[in-house]
Structure formats: C-alpha cells, structure tokens
C-alpha cells in the first residue's frame, strides 16, 4: 500500500478530462479542490503555477506531478487526473502529458512532501502501471492501481526479484 492511499479520495479521480492546456488543467484541479476540500480555486491555481515557474513538473513518459504549498492546509490533498488527450507540459522528453497526479501540501511539510514525490516518481517509472492507468475505464480499479501499487506489484504471483547491490 502506498503513502498516497490516505491522501487520494475516490472523489479526487478524474478520468478522461477534456482539457488542452496546462492552464485549463490547473483550473480544473482548482475547481475540484474547491468543491471537495474547501480550498479556494484561485489559491490552488496560483500555487501550482508558482511551482511550475521554477521548472516543469512533467516527468516524461506522459506523466506530470504538479504540486504546491498552501498556507492553512493542514494535511496533504491529492488528485489523479487522466486527460482525454495529451497536454503540453514542457516535460524533459517533450511528450505531452495524460497522467497527472496533483497535490497540495501544508506550507511547512518538507519531509512528507519529498517522500511522496519520491514515491510517485518511482511509481510512475513503472511502464506497466502507466499502461494500465491509461487503459482502465473503471475509476475504482484506477484508485486501486494507485493506492495498492508496490515496486513488486507485477511480480505478486512470483517470488520477489532479488536485486544486486549494484542496482
């Protein structure tokens, strides 16, 4: 089970969102957090764009993890969005983004924030998971894919893979 299982509510999943720009995507994230978590949409939008100005949160492989710090937020809130079409995101590989994990953290949540970003980077480096997230149509199963993922998920019916010290 991932750390995000306690931060990603089912109501925070949006599948096949029809947006064509980062601006429209962030507006929808703001609307979702305003409706579900009572955080003003303009505050969300501004926090996400402030972080984006420091450098793109696009990871590559069609994935982005936009995030921001918000004064007054007590605990991390997150959303997973799969867009209908790819959104330009200035990712290192130049590819558009369809898988977006956006999160807001308290203003001073350094360790928790960094741990979550690390877990998400590892999770989204799993090509099998990315393919399944793009193909799955049932939001309950998408939620399970995200919250139950482990580095060994695809080996669940096999013995754990022994890793060498060099890896």
N, C-alpha and C. Protein backbone atom coordinates (compact mmCIF):
# COMPACT_ATOMS: atom_id res chain seq x y z
N UNK A 1 0.85 -1.19 0.00
CA UNK A 1 0.00 0.00 0.00
C UNK A 1 0.89 1.25 0.00
N UNK A 2 0.51 2.22 -0.78
CA UNK A 2 1.30 3.43 -0.92
C UNK A 2 0.94 4.46 0.14
N UNK A 3 1.84 5.43 0.34
CA UNK A 3 1.57 6.54 1.24
C UNK A 3 0.33 7.31 0.80
N UNK A 4 0.15 7.38 -0.50
CA UNK A 4 -0.93 8.21 -1.01
C UNK A 4 -2.31 7.62 -0.75
N UNK A 5 -2.39 6.37 -0.31
CA UNK A 5 -3.70 5.76 -0.08
C UNK A 5 -4.52 6.55 0.95
N UNK A 6 -3.85 7.23 1.88
CA UNK A 6 -4.60 8.02 2.85
C UNK A 6 -4.87 9.45 2.38
N UNK A 7 -4.33 9.81 1.21
CA UNK A 7 -4.50 11.18 0.71
C UNK A 7 -5.29 11.28 -0.58
N UNK A 8 -5.55 10.14 -1.23
CA UNK A 8 -6.24 10.16 -2.52
C UNK A 8 -7.65 9.58 -2.38
N UNK A 9 -8.62 10.46 -2.25
CA UNK A 9 -10.02 10.03 -2.14
C UNK A 9 -10.55 9.63 -3.51
N UNK A 10 -11.49 8.71 -3.51
CA UNK A 10 -12.13 8.30 -4.78
C UNK A 10 -12.72 9.51 -5.51
N UNK A 11 -13.27 10.44 -4.77
CA UNK A 11 -13.88 11.61 -5.38
C UNK A 11 -12.85 12.55 -6.01
N UNK A 12 -11.56 12.25 -5.81
CA UNK A 12 -10.49 13.07 -6.36
C UNK A 12 -9.87 12.46 -7.61
N UNK A 13 -10.58 11.54 -8.25
CA UNK A 13 -10.14 10.96 -9.51
C UNK A 13 -10.96 11.54 -10.65
N UNK A 14 -10.30 12.00 -11.69
CA UNK A 14 -10.97 12.49 -12.89
C UNK A 14 -10.39 11.74 -14.07
N UNK A 15 -11.22 10.97 -14.74
CA UNK A 15 -10.75 10.19 -15.88
C UNK A 15 -11.23 10.80 -17.19
N UNK A 16 -10.32 10.89 -18.12
CA UNK A 16 -10.59 11.40 -19.47
C UNK A 16 -11.10 12.85 -19.46
N UNK A 17 -10.44 13.65 -18.64
CA UNK A 17 -10.75 15.08 -18.57
C UNK A 17 -10.39 15.73 -19.89
N UNK A 18 -11.32 16.50 -20.44
CA UNK A 18 -11.14 17.14 -21.74
C UNK A 18 -10.55 18.54 -21.56
N UNK A 19 -9.23 18.61 -21.48
CA UNK A 19 -8.50 19.88 -21.39
C UNK A 19 -7.38 19.85 -22.42
N UNK A 20 -6.97 21.03 -22.88
CA UNK A 20 -5.94 21.09 -23.91
C UNK A 20 -4.71 21.89 -23.50
N UNK A 21 -4.73 22.44 -22.28
CA UNK A 21 -3.59 23.24 -21.84
C UNK A 21 -3.36 23.04 -20.35
N UNK A 22 -2.16 23.38 -19.93
CA UNK A 22 -1.80 23.32 -18.52
C UNK A 22 -2.70 24.27 -17.72
N UNK A 23 -2.98 25.43 -18.29
CA UNK A 23 -3.83 26.41 -17.60
C UNK A 23 -5.21 25.82 -17.33
N UNK A 24 -5.83 25.22 -18.33
CA UNK A 24 -7.16 24.61 -18.15
C UNK A 24 -7.11 23.45 -17.16
N UNK A 25 -6.03 22.68 -17.22
CA UNK A 25 -5.86 21.57 -16.28
C UNK A 25 -5.81 22.09 -14.85
N UNK A 26 -4.99 23.12 -14.62
CA UNK A 26 -4.87 23.67 -13.27
C UNK A 26 -6.18 24.32 -12.81
N UNK A 27 -6.94 24.89 -13.72
CA UNK A 27 -8.25 25.42 -13.36
C UNK A 27 -9.17 24.30 -12.86
N UNK A 28 -9.12 23.15 -13.53
CA UNK A 28 -9.96 22.01 -13.13
C UNK A 28 -9.49 21.43 -11.80
N UNK A 29 -8.19 21.39 -11.57
CA UNK A 29 -7.67 20.95 -10.28
C UNK A 29 -8.16 21.91 -9.20
N UNK A 30 -8.10 23.21 -9.46
CA UNK A 30 -8.58 24.21 -8.51
C UNK A 30 -10.05 24.03 -8.21
N UNK A 31 -10.85 23.78 -9.22
CA UNK A 31 -12.29 23.57 -9.04
C UNK A 31 -12.55 22.32 -8.19
N UNK A 32 -11.82 21.25 -8.48
CA UNK A 32 -12.00 20.02 -7.71
C UNK A 32 -11.66 20.25 -6.24
N UNK A 33 -10.51 20.86 -5.96
CA UNK A 33 -10.11 21.09 -4.57
C UNK A 33 -11.02 22.09 -3.87
N UNK A 34 -11.56 23.04 -4.61
CA UNK A 34 -12.51 23.98 -4.01
C UNK A 34 -13.78 23.24 -3.60
N UNK A 35 -14.28 22.38 -4.48
CA UNK A 35 -15.52 21.66 -4.20
C UNK A 35 -15.34 20.55 -3.17
N UNK A 36 -14.22 19.85 -3.20
CA UNK A 36 -14.03 18.68 -2.35
C UNK A 36 -13.28 18.98 -1.05
N UNK A 37 -12.39 19.95 -1.06
CA UNK A 37 -11.54 20.20 0.11
C UNK A 37 -11.64 21.62 0.65
N UNK A 38 -12.52 22.42 0.05
CA UNK A 38 -12.76 23.79 0.50
C UNK A 38 -11.50 24.68 0.48
N UNK A 39 -10.71 24.49 -0.58
CA UNK A 39 -9.54 25.34 -0.80
C UNK A 39 -9.87 26.19 -2.03
N UNK A 40 -9.78 27.49 -1.90
CA UNK A 40 -10.17 28.39 -2.99
C UNK A 40 -9.44 28.05 -4.27
N UNK A 41 -10.19 27.98 -5.36
CA UNK A 41 -9.59 27.58 -6.65
C UNK A 41 -8.48 28.50 -7.10
N UNK A 42 -8.59 29.78 -6.84
CA UNK A 42 -7.54 30.71 -7.24
C UNK A 42 -6.26 30.43 -6.44
N UNK A 43 -6.40 30.04 -5.19
CA UNK A 43 -5.24 29.70 -4.36
C UNK A 43 -4.54 28.46 -4.91
N UNK A 44 -5.33 27.47 -5.31
CA UNK A 44 -4.78 26.25 -5.90
C UNK A 44 -4.06 26.58 -7.20
N UNK A 45 -4.73 27.28 -8.06
CA UNK A 45 -4.18 27.65 -9.37
C UNK A 45 -2.85 28.40 -9.20
N UNK A 46 -2.86 29.39 -8.32
CA UNK A 46 -1.65 30.20 -8.10
C UNK A 46 -0.51 29.36 -7.54
N UNK A 47 -0.80 28.45 -6.62
CA UNK A 47 0.25 27.61 -6.02
C UNK A 47 0.85 26.68 -7.06
N UNK A 48 0.01 26.09 -7.89
CA UNK A 48 0.52 25.17 -8.91
C UNK A 48 1.36 25.91 -9.94
N UNK A 49 0.91 27.09 -10.37
CA UNK A 49 1.68 27.84 -11.36
C UNK A 49 2.96 28.42 -10.76
N UNK A 50 2.93 28.79 -9.47
CA UNK A 50 4.15 29.30 -8.83
C UNK A 50 5.23 28.22 -8.85
N UNK A 51 4.86 26.98 -8.57
CA UNK A 51 5.83 25.88 -8.62
C UNK A 51 6.29 25.61 -10.05
N UNK A 52 5.37 25.71 -10.99
CA UNK A 52 5.67 25.44 -12.40
C UNK A 52 6.68 26.46 -12.94
N UNK A 53 6.65 27.69 -12.41
CA UNK A 53 7.59 28.72 -12.85
C UNK A 53 9.03 28.36 -12.49
N UNK A 54 9.20 27.51 -11.48
CA UNK A 54 10.54 27.07 -11.07
C UNK A 54 11.09 26.00 -12.02
N UNK A 55 10.21 25.39 -12.77
CA UNK A 55 10.58 24.33 -13.70
C UNK A 55 9.40 23.39 -13.86
N UNK A 56 9.29 22.79 -15.02
CA UNK A 56 8.16 21.92 -15.29
C UNK A 56 8.13 20.73 -14.34
N UNK A 57 6.93 20.37 -13.92
CA UNK A 57 6.74 19.18 -13.09
C UNK A 57 6.41 17.96 -13.96
N UNK A 58 6.57 18.11 -15.27
CA UNK A 58 6.43 16.99 -16.18
C UNK A 58 7.64 16.08 -16.02
N UNK A 59 7.39 14.79 -15.80
CA UNK A 59 8.48 13.84 -15.58
C UNK A 59 8.96 13.20 -16.87
N UNK A 60 8.09 13.15 -17.87
CA UNK A 60 8.34 12.38 -19.08
C UNK A 60 7.42 11.18 -19.09
N UNK A 61 7.41 10.46 -20.20
CA UNK A 61 6.55 9.28 -20.37
C UNK A 61 5.07 9.60 -20.19
N UNK A 62 4.68 10.86 -20.46
CA UNK A 62 3.28 11.24 -20.36
C UNK A 62 2.79 11.49 -18.95
N UNK A 63 3.70 11.75 -18.01
CA UNK A 63 3.36 11.92 -16.59
C UNK A 63 3.80 13.28 -16.09
N UNK A 64 2.97 13.90 -15.25
CA UNK A 64 3.32 15.14 -14.55
C UNK A 64 2.85 15.04 -13.11
N UNK A 65 3.61 15.69 -12.23
CA UNK A 65 3.24 15.73 -10.81
C UNK A 65 3.26 17.19 -10.34
N UNK A 66 2.29 17.98 -10.78
CA UNK A 66 2.22 19.36 -10.30
C UNK A 66 1.90 19.38 -8.80
N UNK A 67 2.55 20.27 -8.09
CA UNK A 67 2.34 20.33 -6.65
C UNK A 67 2.60 21.75 -6.16
N UNK A 68 2.05 22.04 -5.00
CA UNK A 68 2.24 23.36 -4.44
C UNK A 68 2.03 23.36 -2.94
N UNK A 69 2.57 24.37 -2.32
CA UNK A 69 2.42 24.56 -0.87
C UNK A 69 1.34 25.61 -0.64
N UNK A 70 0.50 25.32 0.34
CA UNK A 70 -0.61 26.23 0.62
C UNK A 70 -0.65 26.52 2.13
N UNK A 71 -0.59 27.79 2.45
CA UNK A 71 -0.71 28.21 3.84
C UNK A 71 -2.13 27.88 4.33
N UNK A 72 -2.22 27.29 5.50
CA UNK A 72 -3.52 26.97 6.08
C UNK A 72 -4.01 25.56 5.79
N UNK A 73 -3.38 24.86 4.84
CA UNK A 73 -3.74 23.47 4.58
C UNK A 73 -3.12 22.63 5.69
N UNK A 74 -3.92 21.80 6.34
CA UNK A 74 -3.43 21.02 7.49
C UNK A 74 -2.74 19.72 7.08
N UNK A 75 -3.23 19.09 6.00
CA UNK A 75 -2.60 17.87 5.53
C UNK A 75 -2.67 17.81 4.02
N UNK A 76 -1.82 16.97 3.47
CA UNK A 76 -1.73 16.85 2.03
C UNK A 76 -3.08 16.43 1.43
N UNK A 77 -3.41 17.03 0.28
CA UNK A 77 -4.56 16.60 -0.52
C UNK A 77 -4.05 16.33 -1.92
N UNK A 78 -4.67 15.35 -2.58
CA UNK A 78 -4.17 14.94 -3.89
C UNK A 78 -5.31 14.59 -4.82
N UNK A 79 -5.01 14.64 -6.11
CA UNK A 79 -5.94 14.21 -7.14
C UNK A 79 -5.17 13.49 -8.24
N UNK A 80 -5.81 12.53 -8.86
CA UNK A 80 -5.25 11.88 -10.04
C UNK A 80 -6.17 12.20 -11.20
N UNK A 81 -5.56 12.65 -12.28
CA UNK A 81 -6.32 13.01 -13.48
C UNK A 81 -5.69 12.31 -14.68
N UNK A 82 -6.55 11.70 -15.46
CA UNK A 82 -6.13 11.20 -16.76
C UNK A 82 -6.83 12.08 -17.78
N UNK A 83 -6.06 12.72 -18.64
CA UNK A 83 -6.67 13.61 -19.62
C UNK A 83 -7.09 12.81 -20.85
N UNK A 84 -8.06 13.34 -21.54
CA UNK A 84 -8.56 12.69 -22.76
C UNK A 84 -7.49 12.70 -23.84
N UNK A 85 -6.83 13.82 -24.00
CA UNK A 85 -5.75 13.98 -24.98
C UNK A 85 -4.51 14.48 -24.22
N UNK A 86 -3.37 14.38 -24.86
CA UNK A 86 -2.13 14.86 -24.25
C UNK A 86 -2.11 16.37 -24.10
N UNK A 87 -1.55 16.82 -23.00
CA UNK A 87 -1.44 18.25 -22.68
C UNK A 87 0.04 18.63 -22.73
N UNK A 88 0.40 19.69 -23.47
CA UNK A 88 1.80 20.15 -23.47
C UNK A 88 2.23 20.52 -22.05
N UNK A 89 3.39 20.03 -21.62
CA UNK A 89 3.81 20.23 -20.23
C UNK A 89 5.29 20.53 -20.07
N UNK A 90 5.99 20.74 -21.19
CA UNK A 90 7.43 21.01 -21.14
C UNK A 90 8.18 19.91 -20.38
N UNK A 91 7.77 18.66 -20.56
CA UNK A 91 8.45 17.53 -19.93
C UNK A 91 9.82 17.34 -20.57
N UNK A 92 10.76 16.72 -19.87
CA UNK A 92 12.11 16.54 -20.42
C UNK A 92 12.14 15.80 -21.76
N UNK A 93 11.20 14.87 -21.97
CA UNK A 93 11.20 14.12 -23.23
C UNK A 93 10.36 14.80 -24.31
N UNK A 94 9.75 15.96 -23.98
CA UNK A 94 8.96 16.71 -24.94
C UNK A 94 7.59 16.11 -25.24
N UNK A 95 7.26 15.00 -24.60
CA UNK A 95 5.99 14.34 -24.85
C UNK A 95 4.85 15.01 -24.07
N UNK A 96 3.65 15.05 -24.64
CA UNK A 96 2.50 15.60 -23.90
C UNK A 96 2.13 14.67 -22.74
N UNK A 97 1.42 15.23 -21.79
CA UNK A 97 1.07 14.53 -20.56
C UNK A 97 -0.40 14.11 -20.57
N UNK A 98 -0.65 12.87 -20.13
CA UNK A 98 -2.03 12.40 -19.94
C UNK A 98 -2.28 11.94 -18.52
N UNK A 99 -1.23 11.58 -17.79
CA UNK A 99 -1.36 11.10 -16.42
C UNK A 99 -0.83 12.18 -15.48
N UNK A 100 -1.73 12.72 -14.66
CA UNK A 100 -1.37 13.85 -13.80
C UNK A 100 -1.73 13.50 -12.36
N UNK A 101 -0.76 13.62 -11.49
CA UNK A 101 -1.00 13.47 -10.06
C UNK A 101 -0.68 14.82 -9.44
N UNK A 102 -1.72 15.55 -9.03
CA UNK A 102 -1.52 16.88 -8.46
C UNK A 102 -1.72 16.80 -6.95
N UNK A 103 -0.89 17.54 -6.23
CA UNK A 103 -1.04 17.55 -4.77
C UNK A 103 -0.72 18.91 -4.20
N UNK A 104 -1.37 19.15 -3.08
CA UNK A 104 -1.14 20.36 -2.30
C UNK A 104 -0.70 19.91 -0.92
N UNK A 105 0.31 20.60 -0.40
CA UNK A 105 0.83 20.23 0.91
C UNK A 105 0.83 21.47 1.81
N UNK A 106 0.86 21.24 3.13
CA UNK A 106 0.98 22.38 4.04
C UNK A 106 2.25 23.17 3.75
N UNK A 107 2.23 24.41 4.11
CA UNK A 107 3.35 25.31 3.82
C UNK A 107 4.70 24.78 4.32
N UNK A 108 4.70 24.04 5.41
CA UNK A 108 5.96 23.58 6.01
C UNK A 108 6.11 22.06 6.00
N UNK A 109 5.49 21.36 5.09
CA UNK A 109 5.51 19.89 5.06
C UNK A 109 6.67 19.35 4.23
N UNK A 110 7.88 19.63 4.63
CA UNK A 110 9.05 19.26 3.82
C UNK A 110 9.24 17.76 3.65
N UNK A 111 9.42 17.02 4.74
CA UNK A 111 9.75 15.60 4.64
C UNK A 111 8.61 14.80 4.01
N UNK A 112 7.40 15.04 4.46
CA UNK A 112 6.25 14.31 3.91
C UNK A 112 6.12 14.58 2.41
N UNK A 113 6.27 15.81 2.03
CA UNK A 113 6.16 16.23 0.63
C UNK A 113 7.24 15.53 -0.21
N UNK A 114 8.47 15.57 0.24
CA UNK A 114 9.57 14.96 -0.51
C UNK A 114 9.42 13.44 -0.59
N UNK A 115 8.97 12.81 0.49
CA UNK A 115 8.76 11.37 0.47
C UNK A 115 7.68 10.99 -0.54
N UNK A 116 6.62 11.77 -0.57
CA UNK A 116 5.53 11.49 -1.51
C UNK A 116 6.01 11.68 -2.95
N UNK A 117 6.76 12.74 -3.22
CA UNK A 117 7.28 12.96 -4.57
C UNK A 117 8.20 11.82 -4.99
N UNK A 118 8.99 11.34 -4.07
CA UNK A 118 9.88 10.21 -4.37
C UNK A 118 9.09 8.96 -4.69
N UNK A 119 8.07 8.68 -3.89
CA UNK A 119 7.23 7.50 -4.13
C UNK A 119 6.51 7.61 -5.48
N UNK A 120 6.01 8.78 -5.79
CA UNK A 120 5.30 8.98 -7.05
C UNK A 120 6.24 8.83 -8.25
N UNK A 121 7.46 9.37 -8.14
CA UNK A 121 8.43 9.22 -9.23
C UNK A 121 8.74 7.75 -9.47
N UNK A 122 8.89 7.00 -8.40
CA UNK A 122 9.15 5.57 -8.54
C UNK A 122 7.93 4.86 -9.14
N UNK A 123 6.76 5.19 -8.64
CA UNK A 123 5.53 4.57 -9.12
C UNK A 123 5.33 4.81 -10.62
N UNK A 124 5.47 6.05 -11.04
CA UNK A 124 5.20 6.39 -12.44
C UNK A 124 6.35 6.01 -13.38
N UNK A 125 7.45 5.52 -12.83
CA UNK A 125 8.51 4.98 -13.69
C UNK A 125 8.17 3.55 -14.11
N UNK A 126 7.13 2.98 -13.53
CA UNK A 126 6.67 1.62 -13.85
C UNK A 126 5.82 1.67 -15.12
N UNK A 127 6.39 1.23 -16.24
CA UNK A 127 5.69 1.32 -17.53
C UNK A 127 4.41 0.50 -17.55
N UNK A 128 4.38 -0.63 -16.86
CA UNK A 128 3.17 -1.45 -16.78
C UNK A 128 2.05 -0.68 -16.08
N UNK A 129 2.37 0.00 -15.00
CA UNK A 129 1.37 0.79 -14.29
C UNK A 129 0.85 1.91 -15.19
N UNK A 130 1.74 2.61 -15.88
CA UNK A 130 1.30 3.70 -16.76
C UNK A 130 0.34 3.18 -17.82
N UNK A 131 0.68 2.06 -18.42
CA UNK A 131 -0.20 1.48 -19.45
C UNK A 131 -1.55 1.10 -18.88
N UNK A 132 -1.56 0.53 -17.70
CA UNK A 132 -2.83 0.13 -17.07
C UNK A 132 -3.67 1.35 -16.70
N UNK A 133 -3.03 2.42 -16.23
CA UNK A 133 -3.76 3.64 -15.89
C UNK A 133 -4.37 4.29 -17.13
N UNK A 134 -3.69 4.17 -18.25
CA UNK A 134 -4.23 4.73 -19.49
C UNK A 134 -5.39 3.90 -20.04
N UNK A 135 -5.37 2.60 -19.80
CA UNK A 135 -6.37 1.71 -20.39
C UNK A 135 -7.60 1.48 -19.51
N UNK A 136 -7.46 1.56 -18.20
CA UNK A 136 -8.55 1.21 -17.29
C UNK A 136 -9.70 2.21 -17.39
N UNK A 137 -10.91 1.70 -17.46
CA UNK A 137 -12.08 2.58 -17.56
C UNK A 137 -12.85 2.72 -16.25
N UNK A 138 -12.61 1.84 -15.31
CA UNK A 138 -13.33 1.86 -14.04
C UNK A 138 -12.53 2.65 -13.00
N UNK A 139 -13.13 3.70 -12.46
CA UNK A 139 -12.41 4.56 -11.51
C UNK A 139 -12.03 3.83 -10.23
N UNK A 140 -12.83 2.86 -9.80
CA UNK A 140 -12.49 2.09 -8.60
C UNK A 140 -11.20 1.31 -8.83
N UNK A 141 -11.06 0.74 -10.01
CA UNK A 141 -9.83 -0.01 -10.31
C UNK A 141 -8.64 0.93 -10.49
N UNK A 142 -8.86 2.11 -11.05
CA UNK A 142 -7.78 3.09 -11.16
C UNK A 142 -7.31 3.47 -9.76
N UNK A 143 -8.24 3.72 -8.87
CA UNK A 143 -7.89 4.06 -7.49
C UNK A 143 -7.08 2.93 -6.86
N UNK A 144 -7.50 1.70 -7.07
CA UNK A 144 -6.78 0.55 -6.51
C UNK A 144 -5.38 0.44 -7.12
N UNK A 145 -5.25 0.67 -8.42
CA UNK A 145 -3.92 0.62 -9.04
C UNK A 145 -2.97 1.60 -8.37
N UNK A 146 -3.46 2.78 -8.05
CA UNK A 146 -2.63 3.80 -7.44
C UNK A 146 -2.36 3.54 -5.96
N UNK A 147 -3.37 3.16 -5.22
CA UNK A 147 -3.21 3.04 -3.77
C UNK A 147 -2.64 1.71 -3.33
N UNK A 148 -2.68 0.71 -4.20
CA UNK A 148 -2.16 -0.61 -3.82
C UNK A 148 -0.85 -0.95 -4.52
N UNK A 149 -0.32 -0.01 -5.30
CA UNK A 149 0.90 -0.25 -6.04
C UNK A 149 2.08 -0.48 -5.09
N UNK A 150 2.92 -1.41 -5.43
CA UNK A 150 4.21 -1.60 -4.76
C UNK A 150 5.23 -1.84 -5.87
N UNK A 151 6.51 -1.69 -5.57
CA UNK A 151 7.50 -1.94 -6.60
C UNK A 151 7.43 -3.37 -7.15
N UNK A 152 6.82 -4.27 -6.40
CA UNK A 152 6.76 -5.67 -6.82
C UNK A 152 5.36 -6.10 -7.24
N UNK A 153 4.45 -5.14 -7.50
CA UNK A 153 3.08 -5.48 -7.86
C UNK A 153 3.03 -6.46 -9.02
N UNK A 154 3.81 -6.22 -10.06
CA UNK A 154 3.71 -7.08 -11.23
C UNK A 154 4.32 -8.45 -10.97
N UNK A 155 5.01 -8.62 -9.85
CA UNK A 155 5.57 -9.91 -9.50
C UNK A 155 4.79 -10.56 -8.36
N UNK A 156 3.59 -10.10 -8.10
CA UNK A 156 2.81 -10.56 -6.95
C UNK A 156 2.62 -12.07 -6.92
N UNK A 157 2.52 -12.72 -8.06
CA UNK A 157 2.32 -14.16 -8.09
C UNK A 157 3.63 -14.92 -8.23
N UNK A 158 4.74 -14.22 -8.11
CA UNK A 158 6.05 -14.85 -8.25
C UNK A 158 6.89 -14.50 -7.03
N UNK A 159 7.99 -15.20 -6.88
CA UNK A 159 8.93 -14.87 -5.81
C UNK A 159 9.50 -13.48 -6.06
N UNK A 160 9.80 -12.74 -4.99
CA UNK A 160 10.39 -11.41 -5.18
C UNK A 160 11.67 -11.48 -6.01
N UNK A 161 11.90 -10.48 -6.81
CA UNK A 161 13.09 -10.41 -7.64
C UNK A 161 14.23 -10.00 -6.74
N UNK A 162 15.29 -10.76 -6.75
CA UNK A 162 16.47 -10.44 -5.95
C UNK A 162 17.26 -9.37 -6.68
N UNK A 163 17.55 -8.30 -6.03
CA UNK A 163 18.27 -7.19 -6.63
C UNK A 163 19.73 -7.25 -6.21
N UNK A 164 20.60 -6.96 -7.13
CA UNK A 164 22.02 -6.94 -6.81
C UNK A 164 22.37 -5.62 -6.13
N UNK A 165 23.47 -5.60 -5.43
CA UNK A 165 23.89 -4.38 -4.73
C UNK A 165 24.19 -3.27 -5.71
N UNK A 166 24.55 -3.61 -6.94
CA UNK A 166 24.89 -2.59 -7.94
C UNK A 166 23.67 -1.79 -8.37
N UNK A 167 22.46 -2.34 -8.23
CA UNK A 167 21.26 -1.62 -8.62
C UNK A 167 20.87 -0.75 -7.49
